Amino acid sequence: MVALTQALLNGLVLGLIYVAIAVGLTIVFGTLRLVNFAHGAFYAIGAYIGLIVAQQWGLGPALVAAPIAVALFAVVLDRVLLRPFYNKDATSQILVTFGIALIVEETLRLIFGSTTLQYPPLPALATSFTMGPIVYPAYRLLFALGVIVMLVLVWLFMQKTDYGLIVRAGVRDRTMVQLLGGNIKAASTIVFALGAAIAGLVGAAASPIYSIAPGTGFAFLVPSFVVVVVGGLGSFWGAVLGGLLIGELQSVTTLAFPSAANVVIYVCMAVVLLLRPQGLLGESEVIRQ
């Protein structure tokens, strides 16, 4: 029972990482119709920026600097390169964003080398939470709580702000939003920057738990796409449900059958697509361009 409880807690933490990345992916896809394979690169950039800042000034400043730097990078990327591809077919979008991801990965490898890096020893990472026979790192629980708070703030942004209203309406019908005077281009830039900032923040915050390497972005990106498909393209709560499901499934399988841990999530995706092609919380109706 102790091992199972720890596996469930590990699955919660891993699942929340997937959720945070998948939420960024799904709001970008829902608003811009952009299949963004460069999203994992935002995670990796945030992780490395967080490491550099943490080595000099500590974890707190790292968690502030990483999302800001990644969001600025995303805005430049959006305006210089990606915007012409919003109306292109999915194949073109995949090729260009996959190319960006490869360039970022090789650039990180050139700067930092291929060696796996770890955060420096920090007091916040040394304490543990004890409940009976269960001893669990306190930072992981704090990380899980922080991601939950961040997801609530993102949901409030989507539900309570004018930009969030434009984004939600743009998911349904971009043309109608523009005819009614909504600035869909400005909202699109903000959404793209927001999705990148979330990935960068999670990259910096999760790196004390998981090591950092140039390929870290791809390692988390592929399961996050599985999460988006399982939860439903464009669905915020679908990303949340899918991320928690995939994280727990992968963690428990690692405990019981370690060799199947990387396969079971794709089996889950196949089953969901067979039974409900639009995903668990996805909508079946056609979304207008």
Protein backbone atom coordinates (compact mmCIF):
# COMPACT_ATOMS: atom_id res chain seq x y z
CA MET A 1 0.00 0.00 0.00
CA VAL A 2 2.86 2.37 0.73
CA ALA A 3 4.38 1.73 -2.69
CA LEU A 4 0.99 2.14 -4.37
CA THR A 5 0.32 5.42 -2.53
CA GLN A 6 3.71 6.78 -3.55
CA ALA A 7 3.07 5.68 -7.14
CA LEU A 8 -0.28 7.50 -7.11
CA LEU A 9 1.40 10.64 -5.77
CA ASN A 10 4.10 10.36 -8.43
CA GLY A 11 1.35 9.92 -11.03
CA LEU A 12 -0.36 13.07 -9.77
CA VAL A 13 2.83 15.10 -10.14
CA LEU A 14 3.63 13.64 -13.57
CA GLY A 15 0.03 14.04 -14.67
CA LEU A 16 -0.02 17.70 -13.65
CA ILE A 17 3.09 18.31 -15.78
CA TYR A 18 1.27 16.74 -18.72
CA VAL A 19 -1.82 18.79 -17.89
CA ALA A 20 0.09 22.08 -17.86
CA ILE A 21 1.79 21.37 -21.19
CA ALA A 22 -1.41 20.00 -22.72
CA VAL A 23 -3.44 23.04 -21.62
CA GLY A 24 -0.99 25.26 -23.49
CA LEU A 25 -1.23 23.00 -26.53
CA THR A 26 -5.02 22.86 -26.48
CA ILE A 27 -5.69 26.58 -26.07
CA VAL A 28 -3.22 27.33 -28.87
CA PHE A 29 -4.84 24.76 -31.12
CA GLY A 30 -8.34 25.84 -30.17
CA THR A 31 -7.64 29.50 -30.89
CA LEU A 32 -5.09 29.41 -33.71
CA ARG A 33 -5.65 25.96 -35.24
CA LEU A 34 -1.87 25.51 -34.87
CA VAL A 35 -0.44 22.03 -34.33
CA ASN A 36 2.60 23.14 -32.37
CA PHE A 37 5.38 20.57 -32.10
CA ALA A 38 7.66 23.33 -30.79
CA HIS A 39 5.74 23.47 -27.50
CA GLY A 40 8.13 21.01 -25.88
CA ALA A 41 10.97 23.37 -26.76
CA PHE A 42 9.32 26.03 -24.58
CA TYR A 43 9.44 23.56 -21.68
CA ALA A 44 13.15 22.86 -22.30
CA ILE A 45 14.05 26.55 -22.61
CA GLY A 46 12.22 27.29 -19.37
CA ALA A 47 14.08 24.45 -17.65
CA TYR A 48 17.51 25.72 -18.70
CA ILE A 49 16.73 29.37 -17.93
CA GLY A 50 15.41 28.29 -14.55
CA LEU A 51 18.61 26.33 -13.89
CA ILE A 52 20.85 29.29 -14.77
CA VAL A 53 18.89 31.73 -12.62
CA ALA A 54 18.55 29.25 -9.73
CA GLN A 55 22.32 28.76 -9.63
CA GLN A 56 22.81 32.49 -9.17
CA TRP A 57 19.79 33.77 -7.26
CA GLY A 58 17.71 30.80 -6.12
CA LEU A 59 14.55 29.00 -7.11
CA GLY A 60 12.11 31.88 -6.57
CA PRO A 61 13.68 34.22 -9.14
CA ALA A 62 14.04 31.25 -11.51
CA LEU A 63 10.28 30.68 -11.43
CA VAL A 64 9.75 34.33 -12.36
CA ALA A 65 12.43 34.64 -15.05
CA ALA A 66 11.66 31.42 -16.94
CA PRO A 67 8.04 32.09 -18.01
CA ILE A 68 8.78 35.73 -18.87
CA ALA A 69 11.76 34.81 -21.06
CA VAL A 70 9.90 31.98 -22.78
CA ALA A 71 6.83 34.17 -23.40
CA LEU A 72 9.01 36.86 -25.03
CA PHE A 73 10.67 34.22 -27.20
CA ALA A 74 7.23 32.92 -28.20
CA VAL A 75 5.98 36.40 -29.17
CA VAL A 76 9.00 36.91 -31.44
CA LEU A 77 8.56 33.44 -32.91
CA ASP A 78 4.87 34.06 -33.49
CA ARG A 79 5.30 37.38 -35.26
CA VAL A 80 8.40 36.53 -37.27
CA LEU A 81 7.79 32.96 -38.37
CA LEU A 82 4.60 31.19 -37.29
CA ARG A 83 1.78 33.61 -38.10
CA PRO A 84 1.80 32.87 -41.87
CA PHE A 85 1.26 29.19 -41.03
CA TYR A 86 -1.96 29.66 -39.05
CA ASN A 87 -4.03 29.20 -42.18
CA LYS A 88 -1.85 26.46 -43.66
CA ASP A 89 -2.60 22.75 -43.58
CA ALA A 90 -1.62 20.64 -40.58
CA THR A 91 1.31 19.03 -42.41
CA SER A 92 2.98 22.40 -43.00
CA GLN A 93 2.45 23.37 -39.37
CA ILE A 94 3.91 20.12 -38.10
CA LEU A 95 6.98 20.42 -40.33
CA VAL A 96 7.80 24.01 -39.41
CA THR A 97 7.20 23.60 -35.67
CA PHE A 98 9.07 20.29 -35.60
CA GLY A 99 11.96 22.05 -37.34
CA ILE A 100 11.90 24.81 -34.71
CA ALA A 101 11.96 22.17 -31.97
CA LEU A 102 15.01 20.49 -33.52
CA ILE A 103 16.82 23.82 -33.86
CA VAL A 104 16.12 24.66 -30.21
CA GLU A 105 17.26 21.21 -29.06
CA GLU A 106 20.53 21.36 -31.01
CA THR A 107 21.14 24.94 -29.83
CA LEU A 108 20.70 23.86 -26.21
CA ARG A 109 23.03 20.92 -26.84
CA LEU A 110 25.62 23.27 -28.36
CA ILE A 111 25.44 25.67 -25.40
CA PHE A 112 25.05 23.26 -22.47
CA GLY A 113 26.33 19.98 -23.90
CA SER A 114 24.55 16.63 -23.93
CA THR A 115 25.14 15.90 -20.26
CA THR A 116 22.09 15.59 -18.04
CA LEU A 117 22.02 18.46 -15.55
CA GLN A 118 20.53 18.74 -12.07
CA TYR A 119 19.41 21.71 -10.01
CA PRO A 120 21.87 22.79 -7.28
CA PRO A 121 21.06 21.61 -3.73
CA LEU A 122 18.34 23.90 -2.38
CA PRO A 123 16.78 23.89 1.12
CA ALA A 124 13.31 23.75 -0.42
CA LEU A 125 14.20 20.44 -2.09
CA ALA A 126 15.51 18.71 1.06
CA THR A 127 12.41 18.48 3.25
CA SER A 128 9.90 15.63 3.24
CA PHE A 129 6.27 15.23 4.18
CA THR A 130 5.52 12.34 6.55
CA MET A 131 2.12 10.79 7.06
CA GLY A 132 2.35 7.48 8.91
CA PRO A 133 4.58 5.11 6.92
CA ILE A 134 4.51 7.37 3.85
CA VAL A 135 7.44 9.73 3.38
CA TYR A 136 7.21 11.95 0.32
CA PRO A 137 9.29 14.94 -0.87
CA ALA A 138 7.54 18.14 0.20
CA TYR A 139 8.63 19.98 -2.94
CA ARG A 140 6.66 17.58 -5.14
CA LEU A 141 3.50 18.28 -3.17
CA LEU A 142 4.20 22.01 -3.31
CA PHE A 143 4.74 21.72 -7.06
CA ALA A 144 1.41 19.90 -7.47
CA LEU A 145 -0.38 22.61 -5.48
CA GLY A 146 1.30 25.34 -7.54
CA VAL A 147 0.25 23.77 -10.84
CA ILE A 148 -3.34 23.46 -9.61
CA VAL A 149 -3.36 27.17 -8.63
CA MET A 150 -1.90 28.09 -12.02
CA LEU A 151 -4.57 26.06 -13.85
CA VAL A 152 -7.30 27.82 -11.88
CA LEU A 153 -5.82 31.20 -12.84
CA VAL A 154 -5.69 30.20 -16.51
CA TRP A 155 -9.31 29.06 -16.36
CA LEU A 156 -10.32 32.37 -14.75
CA PHE A 157 -8.46 34.22 -17.51
CA MET A 158 -10.35 32.24 -20.14
CA GLN A 159 -13.73 32.72 -18.44
CA LYS A 160 -13.62 36.21 -16.89
CA THR A 161 -11.53 38.45 -19.19
CA ASP A 162 -12.35 40.06 -22.51
CA TYR A 163 -9.43 38.31 -24.17
CA GLY A 164 -10.64 35.00 -22.77
CA LEU A 165 -14.08 35.67 -24.23
CA ILE A 166 -12.55 36.38 -27.65
CA VAL A 167 -10.49 33.22 -27.40
CA ARG A 168 -13.49 31.04 -26.52
CA ALA A 169 -15.57 32.62 -29.25
CA GLY A 170 -12.70 32.27 -31.72
CA VAL A 171 -12.63 28.53 -31.05
CA ARG A 172 -16.19 28.36 -32.39
CA ASP A 173 -16.06 30.85 -35.25
CA ARG A 174 -13.05 33.08 -35.92
CA THR A 175 -14.71 34.90 -38.83
CA MET A 176 -17.73 35.93 -36.77
CA VAL A 177 -15.50 37.24 -33.97
CA GLN A 178 -13.63 39.45 -36.46
CA LEU A 179 -16.89 40.71 -38.00
CA LEU A 180 -18.10 41.69 -34.53
CA GLY A 181 -14.93 43.72 -33.92
CA GLY A 182 -12.92 41.24 -31.87
CA ASN A 183 -9.17 41.64 -32.20
CA ILE A 184 -8.43 38.01 -32.84
CA LYS A 185 -4.81 38.69 -33.87
CA ALA A 186 -3.95 40.42 -30.59
CA ALA A 187 -5.76 37.70 -28.66
CA SER A 188 -3.89 35.06 -30.65
CA THR A 189 -0.52 36.56 -29.70
CA ILE A 190 -1.50 36.68 -26.04
CA VAL A 191 -2.75 33.10 -26.13
CA PHE A 192 0.43 31.86 -27.82
CA ALA A 193 2.58 33.71 -25.27
CA LEU A 194 0.43 32.39 -22.42
CA GLY A 195 0.76 28.80 -23.59
CA ALA A 196 4.54 29.20 -23.93
CA ALA A 197 4.82 30.87 -20.50
CA ILE A 198 2.94 27.97 -18.88
CA ALA A 199 5.33 25.47 -20.48
CA GLY A 200 8.36 27.55 -19.45
CA LEU A 201 7.16 27.91 -15.86
CA VAL A 202 6.46 24.19 -15.55
CA GLY A 203 9.84 23.42 -17.10
CA ALA A 204 11.61 25.53 -14.47
CA ALA A 205 9.46 24.21 -11.61
CA ALA A 206 9.62 20.54 -12.60
CA SER A 207 13.36 20.42 -13.25
CA PRO A 208 14.28 19.93 -9.57
CA ILE A 209 12.16 16.75 -9.80
CA TYR A 210 13.18 15.54 -13.24
CA SER A 211 16.65 16.09 -14.70
CA ILE A 212 17.35 18.47 -17.57
CA ALA A 213 18.70 17.47 -20.98
CA PRO A 214 18.39 18.95 -24.48
CA GLY A 215 15.84 16.27 -25.37
CA THR A 216 13.68 16.93 -22.31
CA GLY A 217 11.16 18.89 -24.35
CA PHE A 218 10.39 15.97 -26.67
CA ALA A 219 10.24 13.58 -23.71
CA PHE A 220 7.29 15.49 -22.27
CA LEU A 221 5.80 16.71 -25.55
CA VAL A 222 4.77 13.34 -27.00
CA PRO A 223 2.79 12.19 -23.92
CA SER A 224 1.24 15.66 -23.76
CA PHE A 225 -0.07 15.25 -27.31
CA VAL A 226 -1.53 11.91 -26.19
CA VAL A 227 -3.22 13.82 -23.35
CA VAL A 228 -4.69 16.34 -25.79
CA VAL A 229 -6.05 13.57 -28.01
CA VAL A 230 -7.46 11.59 -25.08
CA GLY A 231 -9.03 14.64 -23.45
CA GLY A 232 -10.31 16.21 -26.66
CA LEU A 233 -8.78 18.83 -28.94
CA GLY A 234 -9.58 22.35 -27.78
CA SER A 235 -11.05 21.25 -24.43
CA PHE A 236 -9.49 22.80 -21.29
CA TRP A 237 -11.04 20.31 -18.89
CA GLY A 238 -10.36 17.53 -21.35
CA ALA A 239 -6.65 18.34 -21.05
CA VAL A 240 -6.94 18.26 -17.26
CA LEU A 241 -8.79 14.94 -17.21
CA GLY A 242 -6.55 13.38 -19.86
CA GLY A 243 -3.33 14.53 -18.15
CA LEU A 244 -4.30 13.12 -14.76
CA LEU A 245 -5.46 9.87 -16.34
CA ILE A 246 -2.29 9.38 -18.39
CA GLY A 247 0.00 10.37 -15.51
CA GLU A 248 -1.60 7.96 -13.05
CA LEU A 249 -1.79 5.19 -15.62
CA GLN A 250 1.88 5.54 -16.51
CA SER A 251 2.99 5.73 -12.87
CA VAL A 252 0.98 2.73 -11.66
CA THR A 253 2.09 0.69 -14.68
CA THR A 254 5.70 1.58 -13.86
CA LEU A 255 5.15 0.09 -10.41
CA ALA A 256 3.49 -3.11 -11.65
CA PHE A 257 4.95 -3.68 -15.14
CA PRO A 258 7.83 -1.25 -15.78
CA SER A 259 8.49 -2.46 -19.32
CA ALA A 260 4.93 -1.55 -20.36
CA ALA A 261 4.89 1.95 -18.86
CA ASN A 262 5.69 3.72 -22.14
CA VAL A 263 3.27 1.60 -24.15
CA VAL A 264 0.16 1.74 -21.99
CA ILE A 265 -0.55 5.42 -22.70
CA TYR A 266 -0.75 4.74 -26.44
CA VAL A 267 -3.03 1.76 -25.82
CA CYS A 268 -5.23 4.09 -23.76
CA MET A 269 -5.26 6.63 -26.59
CA ALA A 270 -6.21 3.96 -29.14
CA VAL A 271 -9.09 2.72 -26.96
CA VAL A 272 -10.42 6.25 -26.44
CA LEU A 273 -10.23 7.03 -30.16
CA LEU A 274 -12.08 3.81 -30.99
CA LEU A 275 -14.87 4.44 -28.49
CA ARG A 276 -15.03 8.25 -28.62
CA PRO A 277 -13.07 9.73 -31.56
CA GLN A 278 -13.49 13.35 -30.36
CA GLY A 279 -11.85 12.54 -26.99
CA LEU A 280 -13.32 12.24 -23.52
CA LEU A 281 -14.54 15.83 -23.29
CA GLY A 282 -14.11 16.92 -26.91
CA GLU A 283 -17.03 18.16 -28.99
CA SER A 284 -18.24 16.23 -31.98
CA GLU A 285 -19.55 19.19 -33.98
CA VAL A 286 -17.47 20.82 -36.70
CA ILE A 287 -15.60 23.91 -35.50
CA ARG A 288 -15.61 26.68 -38.06
CA GLN A 289 -12.48 28.32 -39.32
